[in-house]
Amino acid sequence: MGRLTTHVLDTAHGRPAAGLRVELYALDGEARRPLGAFTTNADGRGDGPLLEGAALRPGTYELAFHAGDYFAALGVELPTPRFLDVIVLRFGLADTASHYHVPLLCSPWSYSTYRGS
């Protein structure tokens, strides 16, 4: 059964990003439809898959990671405006039988992602 998961790592502090807000959207052209939101747990993950089974459909999606608020809550001194605030990753899902894992590694100054397993 296919599923979508994510994981956030705080590379500035060398640990999972616990307490970071994440929102999931489905895209239809330029229209964004909210599918859900959660705050990462102590391991930097959601408590379950973001999408799975019949809810995992081919299409284009976005994950919005509220990294600026996360780092500000930790007391990190950030400029105004923040260099990175909400990090939006747009990606496509083609195979509904596959596991799509979309991790985010971030600091107040950089981020990277990849398709994980």
Protein backbone atom coordinates (compact mmCIF):
# COMPACT_ATOMS: atom_id res chain seq x y z
CA MET A 1 0.00 0.00 0.00
CA GLY A 2 1.37 3.42 -0.94
CA ARG A 3 1.90 6.22 1.51
CA LEU A 4 3.40 9.69 1.93
CA THR A 5 5.59 10.53 4.93
CA THR A 6 7.99 13.28 5.95
CA HIS A 7 10.74 13.87 8.49
CA VAL A 8 12.36 17.17 9.49
CA LEU A 9 15.94 17.44 10.75
CA ASP A 10 17.34 20.60 12.33
CA THR A 11 20.86 20.68 10.90
CA ALA A 12 21.78 23.83 12.86
CA HIS A 13 21.39 21.95 16.14
CA GLY A 14 22.03 18.39 14.95
CA ARG A 15 18.70 16.89 16.01
CA PRO A 16 15.14 16.19 14.84
CA ALA A 17 13.01 19.32 14.48
CA ALA A 18 10.41 18.68 17.18
CA GLY A 19 7.51 21.16 17.28
CA LEU A 20 7.68 22.34 13.65
CA ARG A 21 4.32 22.98 11.92
CA VAL A 22 3.78 21.28 8.55
CA GLU A 23 0.87 21.73 6.14
CA LEU A 24 -0.04 19.49 3.19
CA TYR A 25 -1.81 20.75 0.07
CA ALA A 26 -3.04 19.14 -3.17
CA LEU A 27 -2.62 21.28 -6.27
CA ASP A 28 -5.03 21.58 -9.18
CA GLY A 29 -3.35 24.01 -11.55
CA GLU A 30 -2.53 26.95 -9.29
CA ALA A 31 -5.34 26.20 -6.83
CA ARG A 32 -4.17 24.78 -3.48
CA ARG A 33 -6.51 22.52 -1.51
CA PRO A 34 -5.53 21.94 2.13
CA LEU A 35 -5.35 18.26 3.08
CA GLY A 36 -4.08 18.53 6.62
CA ALA A 37 -1.61 19.99 9.07
CA PHE A 38 0.38 18.71 12.02
CA THR A 39 3.24 19.57 14.34
CA THR A 40 6.28 17.29 14.29
CA ASN A 41 6.82 14.98 17.24
CA ALA A 42 10.06 14.45 19.23
CA ASP A 43 11.50 12.47 16.31
CA GLY A 44 10.74 15.27 13.80
CA ARG A 45 7.95 13.24 12.18
CA GLY A 46 4.19 13.17 12.05
CA ASP A 47 2.47 10.51 14.10
CA GLY A 48 1.47 8.61 10.96
CA PRO A 49 1.43 8.80 7.17
CA LEU A 50 0.26 12.08 5.65
CA LEU A 51 -1.58 10.16 2.94
CA GLU A 52 -2.10 6.45 2.43
CA GLY A 53 -4.35 3.97 0.66
CA ALA A 54 -7.19 5.51 -1.34
CA ALA A 55 -6.24 9.03 -0.18
CA LEU A 56 -2.88 8.74 -2.01
CA ARG A 57 -3.71 9.79 -5.55
CA PRO A 58 -1.47 10.73 -8.48
CA GLY A 59 -0.95 14.45 -8.64
CA THR A 60 1.03 17.45 -7.52
CA TYR A 61 1.33 18.30 -3.85
CA GLU A 62 3.00 20.83 -1.58
CA LEU A 63 4.40 20.54 1.90
CA ALA A 64 4.78 23.86 3.73
CA PHE A 65 7.29 23.70 6.59
CA HIS A 66 7.14 26.62 9.06
CA ALA A 67 10.87 26.69 9.73
CA GLY A 68 11.08 30.39 10.63
CA ASP A 69 8.61 30.03 13.48
CA TYR A 70 10.37 26.87 14.65
CA PHE A 71 13.79 28.55 14.87
CA ALA A 72 12.34 31.70 16.45
CA ALA A 73 10.67 29.58 19.15
CA LEU A 74 14.09 28.09 19.94
CA GLY A 75 15.45 31.60 20.52
CA VAL A 76 17.56 31.72 17.37
CA GLU A 77 18.26 35.33 16.43
CA LEU A 78 16.73 35.85 12.98
CA PRO A 79 16.78 38.91 10.73
CA THR A 80 13.63 40.76 9.70
CA PRO A 81 12.50 39.62 7.26
CA ARG A 82 13.63 36.06 7.87
CA PHE A 83 15.93 34.59 5.22
CA LEU A 84 13.93 31.35 5.31
CA ASP A 85 10.44 31.40 6.77
CA VAL A 86 7.97 28.94 5.25
CA ILE A 87 9.78 26.37 3.11
CA VAL A 88 7.45 25.06 0.40
CA LEU A 89 8.30 21.83 -1.40
CA ARG A 90 6.27 21.07 -4.53
CA PHE A 91 6.46 17.48 -5.75
CA GLY A 92 4.56 14.95 -7.80
CA LEU A 93 3.22 11.52 -6.91
CA ALA A 94 2.84 9.12 -9.81
CA ASP A 95 2.75 5.59 -8.35
CA THR A 96 0.09 5.13 -5.67
CA ALA A 97 1.58 1.77 -4.67
CA SER A 98 4.91 3.37 -3.67
CA HIS A 99 6.15 4.88 -0.43
CA TYR A 100 7.04 8.54 -0.99
CA HIS A 101 9.18 9.89 1.83
CA VAL A 102 9.95 13.63 1.59
CA PRO A 103 12.49 14.61 4.28
CA LEU A 104 13.58 18.17 4.97
CA LEU A 105 16.98 19.08 6.40
CA CYS A 106 17.01 22.73 7.43
CA SER A 107 18.72 25.55 9.27
CA PRO A 108 17.81 29.26 9.40
CA TRP A 109 20.03 29.71 6.32
CA SER A 110 19.63 26.62 4.13
CA TYR A 111 17.61 23.51 3.37
CA SER A 112 17.74 20.38 1.27
CA THR A 113 15.40 17.54 0.43
CA TYR A 114 15.35 14.30 -1.53
CA ARG A 115 13.07 11.37 -2.18
CA GLY A 116 13.74 9.02 0.68
CA SER A 117 12.56 5.50 1.34
